[in-house]
């Protein structure tokens, strides 16, 4: 499946403008043959916007979700977008996957919150593996810091995830996560990982870009630079099947030895 990675921070604090950016990117992605567009973490609102995260948070079926569903259906491609999700008085750092017909397929709440900023503004989710079927692939959802815990990614591998979508807000000086950790996670758990970052300065943070689609062979199928970019790469089920047949990691596991991990 051709996958489009929208490396962009949009316009922090401006939901309507970010919906326009997403809509335009979806059009370009669809014209290039993509079946899926993935945004960065909290793309809908911006990341470093302080208490506006709570003010701009919407439910999973809110107005912005309806607008993105309309974009997905009009362009004929799936969209996974990062946003602050409001559920009653609780706010989560979430990603929602919308089908090419506009139906909501899956919604994931970030389980590992990074640093005081996120811990002050969000409640952690408690569902590790959230999946949906899309174009013959089992697609899983995760956000940023979550992927840095190997147990998280391995749980997806054991649940059959083929393509793991990871909207992120990766900061300087931790670019080695995008460059090294993500391809290793893809290799050790035998799946594709679409890791989609924000770019440039935002509040007290500086985001490093370097979005990538890493394959089960540990190779980056495509790698973005440090600026705004729409990156296209393929998650190939034939290569995935061949890699899983050749790589013994999952077959050679000995779970009874790992009880101390939990």
Protein backbone atom coordinates (compact mmCIF):
# COMPACT_ATOMS: atom_id res chain seq x y z
CA UNK A 1 0.00 0.00 0.00
CA UNK A 2 1.39 3.36 -0.98
CA UNK A 3 1.58 5.48 2.16
CA UNK A 4 1.93 9.26 2.34
CA UNK A 5 3.67 10.77 5.37
CA UNK A 6 2.73 14.41 5.96
CA UNK A 7 5.77 15.88 7.74
CA UNK A 8 4.33 19.17 8.91
CA UNK A 9 3.50 21.15 12.02
CA UNK A 10 0.69 22.97 10.25
CA UNK A 11 -0.34 26.18 12.03
CA UNK A 12 -0.29 25.57 15.79
CA UNK A 13 -3.48 26.76 17.43
CA UNK A 14 -5.47 27.00 14.19
CA UNK A 15 -7.66 23.95 13.58
CA UNK A 16 -9.38 25.33 10.47
CA UNK A 17 -6.05 26.09 8.80
CA UNK A 18 -4.70 22.65 9.68
CA UNK A 19 -7.77 21.02 8.15
CA UNK A 20 -6.99 22.93 4.94
CA UNK A 21 -3.37 21.74 5.00
CA UNK A 22 -4.53 18.15 5.51
CA UNK A 23 -7.11 18.41 2.73
CA UNK A 24 -4.53 19.75 0.27
CA UNK A 25 -2.03 17.05 1.23
CA UNK A 26 -4.71 14.37 0.84
CA UNK A 27 -5.33 15.56 -2.70
CA UNK A 28 -1.66 15.39 -3.59
CA UNK A 29 -1.29 11.99 -1.93
CA UNK A 30 -4.28 10.55 -3.76
CA UNK A 31 -3.01 11.91 -7.08
CA UNK A 32 0.29 10.08 -6.42
CA UNK A 33 -1.53 6.79 -5.86
CA UNK A 34 -1.45 6.70 -2.06
CA UNK A 35 -4.09 4.72 -0.21
CA UNK A 36 -3.23 6.19 3.19
CA UNK A 37 -2.15 9.59 4.55
CA UNK A 38 -0.57 9.85 8.02
CA UNK A 39 -0.02 13.14 9.89
CA UNK A 40 2.27 14.08 12.78
CA UNK A 41 1.34 13.98 16.47
CA UNK A 42 -1.37 16.49 17.48
CA UNK A 43 -1.42 17.81 13.91
CA UNK A 44 -5.01 19.01 14.19
CA UNK A 45 -4.25 21.63 16.86
CA UNK A 46 -0.49 21.90 17.24
CA UNK A 47 1.65 20.49 20.04
CA UNK A 48 3.22 23.31 22.07
CA UNK A 49 0.07 25.37 22.60
CA UNK A 50 -0.27 24.98 26.37
CA UNK A 51 -3.79 25.14 27.80
CA UNK A 52 -5.22 25.58 24.30
CA UNK A 53 -4.81 21.81 23.97
CA UNK A 54 -7.72 21.40 26.36
CA UNK A 55 -9.72 24.22 24.80
CA UNK A 56 -9.36 22.84 21.27
CA UNK A 57 -9.76 19.17 22.18
CA UNK A 58 -12.69 17.44 20.46
CA UNK A 59 -14.42 14.09 20.83
CA UNK A 60 -13.56 11.35 18.35
CA UNK A 61 -16.79 12.12 16.49
CA UNK A 62 -16.47 15.91 16.65
CA UNK A 63 -16.64 18.55 13.91
CA UNK A 64 -13.00 18.12 12.88
CA UNK A 65 -13.46 14.35 12.64
CA UNK A 66 -16.43 14.93 10.32
CA UNK A 67 -14.36 17.30 8.16
CA UNK A 68 -11.51 14.77 7.88
CA UNK A 69 -13.98 11.99 7.07
CA UNK A 70 -15.31 14.15 4.24
CA UNK A 71 -11.77 14.71 2.94
CA UNK A 72 -11.00 10.98 3.09
CA UNK A 73 -14.19 10.08 1.20
CA UNK A 74 -13.74 12.81 -1.42
CA UNK A 75 -10.11 11.87 -2.09
CA UNK A 76 -10.65 8.12 -1.73
CA UNK A 77 -7.85 7.42 0.72
CA UNK A 78 -7.56 6.57 4.41
CA UNK A 79 -6.33 9.23 6.85
CA UNK A 80 -4.64 8.79 10.23
CA UNK A 81 -4.43 12.09 12.10
CA UNK A 82 -3.14 13.18 15.50
CA UNK A 83 -5.39 15.28 17.74
CA UNK A 84 -6.28 16.03 21.38
CA UNK A 85 -9.33 13.93 22.19
CA UNK A 86 -11.89 15.07 24.74
CA UNK A 87 -13.95 12.43 26.51
CA UNK A 88 -16.03 14.17 29.17
CA UNK A 89 -13.57 16.05 31.38
CA UNK A 90 -10.61 13.94 30.26
CA UNK A 91 -8.20 14.82 27.45
CA UNK A 92 -6.09 12.23 25.64
CA UNK A 93 -3.27 12.53 23.10
CA UNK A 94 -4.87 10.48 20.33
CA UNK A 95 -4.67 9.32 16.72
CA UNK A 96 -7.72 8.34 14.70
CA UNK A 97 -7.78 6.24 11.53
CA UNK A 98 -10.49 7.04 8.99
CA UNK A 99 -11.32 4.73 6.07
CA UNK A 100 -11.38 5.81 2.40
CA UNK A 101 -15.17 5.96 2.60
CA UNK A 102 -15.04 8.26 5.65
CA UNK A 103 -15.91 5.62 8.26
CA UNK A 104 -14.01 5.77 11.55
CA UNK A 105 -11.91 2.59 11.78
CA UNK A 106 -9.89 2.94 14.99
CA UNK A 107 -8.92 5.42 17.68
CA UNK A 108 -5.83 5.11 19.90
CA UNK A 109 -4.87 7.05 23.04
CA UNK A 110 -1.16 7.49 23.78
CA UNK A 111 -0.14 5.16 26.61
CA UNK A 112 3.34 6.55 27.45
CA UNK A 113 3.31 10.30 28.04
CA UNK A 114 6.66 12.03 27.59
CA UNK A 115 7.83 14.64 30.08
CA UNK A 116 6.04 17.12 32.29
CA UNK A 117 4.36 18.92 29.38
CA UNK A 118 2.37 15.88 28.27
CA UNK A 119 1.78 14.61 31.79
CA UNK A 120 0.31 18.01 32.75
CA UNK A 121 -2.08 18.14 29.78
CA UNK A 122 -3.13 14.55 29.06
CA UNK A 123 -4.35 11.36 30.66
CA UNK A 124 -2.58 8.20 29.41
CA UNK A 125 -4.57 5.61 27.51
CA UNK A 126 -4.66 2.00 28.64
CA UNK A 127 -5.09 0.01 25.40
CA UNK A 128 -1.75 -1.17 24.03
CA UNK A 129 -2.83 -2.74 20.74
CA UNK A 130 -5.40 -0.93 18.58
CA UNK A 131 -5.77 -2.22 15.01
CA UNK A 132 -7.90 -2.05 11.88
CA UNK A 133 -7.93 -3.80 8.52
CA UNK A 134 -7.04 -1.63 5.55
CA UNK A 135 -6.38 -2.70 1.96
CA UNK A 136 -5.36 -6.22 2.98
CA UNK A 137 -3.03 -5.09 5.77
CA UNK A 138 -3.52 -5.12 9.52
CA UNK A 139 -2.76 -1.54 10.56
CA UNK A 140 -1.82 -0.66 14.14
CA UNK A 141 -1.74 2.71 15.89
CA UNK A 142 0.80 4.17 18.29
CA UNK A 143 2.13 7.65 19.14
CA UNK A 144 5.72 8.93 19.44
CA UNK A 145 7.26 7.86 22.79
CA UNK A 146 5.23 4.62 22.69
CA UNK A 147 7.46 3.20 19.94
CA UNK A 148 10.57 3.59 22.09
CA UNK A 149 9.36 0.75 24.33
CA UNK A 150 10.18 -2.53 22.54
CA UNK A 151 7.44 -4.36 24.45
CA UNK A 152 4.84 -2.12 22.80
CA UNK A 153 5.96 -2.89 19.28
CA UNK A 154 6.41 -6.59 20.01
CA UNK A 155 2.82 -6.71 21.29
CA UNK A 156 1.71 -5.42 17.91
CA UNK A 157 3.84 -7.99 16.11
CA UNK A 158 2.33 -10.81 18.14
CA UNK A 159 -1.16 -9.46 17.43
CA UNK A 160 -0.48 -9.53 13.68
CA UNK A 161 0.12 -5.86 12.87
CA UNK A 162 1.65 -5.43 9.41
CA UNK A 163 1.95 -1.64 9.28
CA UNK A 164 2.36 0.39 12.47
CA UNK A 165 1.43 4.08 12.20
CA UNK A 166 3.31 6.35 14.61
CA UNK A 167 2.50 10.08 14.51
CA UNK A 168 5.28 11.76 16.48
CA UNK A 169 6.67 15.00 17.87
CA UNK A 170 10.33 14.00 17.99
CA UNK A 171 12.58 16.60 19.60
CA UNK A 172 16.17 17.70 19.17
CA UNK A 173 18.59 16.17 20.25
CA UNK A 174 16.88 12.77 20.04
CA UNK A 175 16.94 12.40 16.25
CA UNK A 176 18.70 9.03 16.68
CA UNK A 177 15.23 7.63 17.45
CA UNK A 178 14.07 8.40 13.92
CA UNK A 179 17.40 7.45 12.37
CA UNK A 180 18.20 4.26 14.29
CA UNK A 181 15.60 3.09 16.80
CA UNK A 182 12.62 3.02 14.44
CA UNK A 183 14.30 0.87 11.73
CA UNK A 184 15.52 -1.52 14.44
CA UNK A 185 11.99 -1.79 15.88
CA UNK A 186 10.68 -2.64 12.41
CA UNK A 187 13.37 -5.31 11.96
CA UNK A 188 13.15 -6.95 15.38
CA UNK A 189 9.35 -7.20 15.23
CA UNK A 190 9.01 -7.83 11.48
CA UNK A 191 6.59 -5.13 10.42
CA UNK A 192 6.51 -1.78 8.66
CA UNK A 193 6.59 1.43 10.73
CA UNK A 194 5.39 4.77 9.38
CA UNK A 195 6.96 7.35 11.71
CA UNK A 196 5.68 10.87 10.94
CA UNK A 197 7.19 13.89 12.66
CA UNK A 198 6.65 17.59 13.18
CA UNK A 199 9.27 20.11 12.02
CA UNK A 200 10.99 23.25 13.25
CA UNK A 201 10.65 25.36 16.40
CA UNK A 202 7.38 25.41 18.32
CA UNK A 203 7.17 27.00 21.76
CA UNK A 204 10.00 25.60 23.88
CA UNK A 205 10.56 22.67 21.51
CA UNK A 206 12.42 22.06 18.25
CA UNK A 207 11.15 19.18 16.13
CA UNK A 208 13.64 17.39 13.91
CA UNK A 209 11.60 15.99 11.00
CA UNK A 210 13.31 12.87 9.56
CA UNK A 211 10.02 11.04 9.05
CA UNK A 212 10.43 7.56 7.63
CA UNK A 213 8.71 4.41 6.48
CA UNK A 214 10.94 1.62 7.82
CA UNK A 215 10.60 -1.92 6.51
CA UNK A 216 10.88 -5.33 8.18
CA UNK A 217 14.41 -5.64 6.77
CA UNK A 218 15.45 -2.62 8.85
CA UNK A 219 15.78 -0.42 5.76
CA UNK A 220 14.17 3.02 5.47
CA UNK A 221 12.04 2.90 2.32
CA UNK A 222 12.05 6.70 2.33
CA UNK A 223 13.42 9.37 4.63
CA UNK A 224 12.36 13.02 4.91
CA UNK A 225 14.68 15.91 5.64
CA UNK A 226 14.20 18.65 8.23
CA UNK A 227 11.53 20.72 6.45
CA UNK A 228 7.87 20.45 5.44
CA UNK A 229 7.44 17.46 3.14
CA UNK A 230 4.94 14.94 1.79
CA UNK A 231 6.85 11.67 1.69
CA UNK A 232 5.63 8.64 -0.29
CA UNK A 233 6.69 5.02 0.22
CA UNK A 234 5.20 1.55 -0.17
CA UNK A 235 4.35 -1.05 2.46
CA UNK A 236 4.72 -4.18 0.34
CA UNK A 237 2.93 -7.28 1.69
CA UNK A 238 5.01 -9.56 -0.56
CA UNK A 239 8.30 -8.28 0.90
CA UNK A 240 6.77 -8.48 4.39
CA UNK A 241 5.82 -12.13 3.95
CA UNK A 242 9.25 -13.02 2.59
CA UNK A 243 10.99 -11.18 5.42
CA UNK A 244 8.90 -12.93 8.06
CA UNK A 245 9.71 -16.30 6.49
CA UNK A 246 13.44 -15.57 6.48
CA UNK A 247 13.74 -13.88 9.87
CA UNK A 248 13.41 -16.26 12.87
CA UNK A 249 13.02 -13.69 15.67
CA UNK A 250 9.32 -14.27 16.33
CA UNK A 251 9.52 -18.04 15.84
CA UNK A 252 12.55 -18.41 18.12
CA UNK A 253 11.08 -16.58 21.09
CA UNK A 254 10.89 -18.50 24.41
CA UNK A 255 8.12 -16.74 26.35
CA UNK A 256 8.44 -18.83 29.55
CA UNK A 257 11.88 -17.27 30.05
CA UNK A 258 10.51 -13.72 29.97
CA UNK A 259 8.13 -13.84 32.92
CA UNK A 260 10.27 -11.44 34.94
CA UNK A 261 9.54 -8.71 32.36
CA UNK A 262 6.00 -8.41 33.66
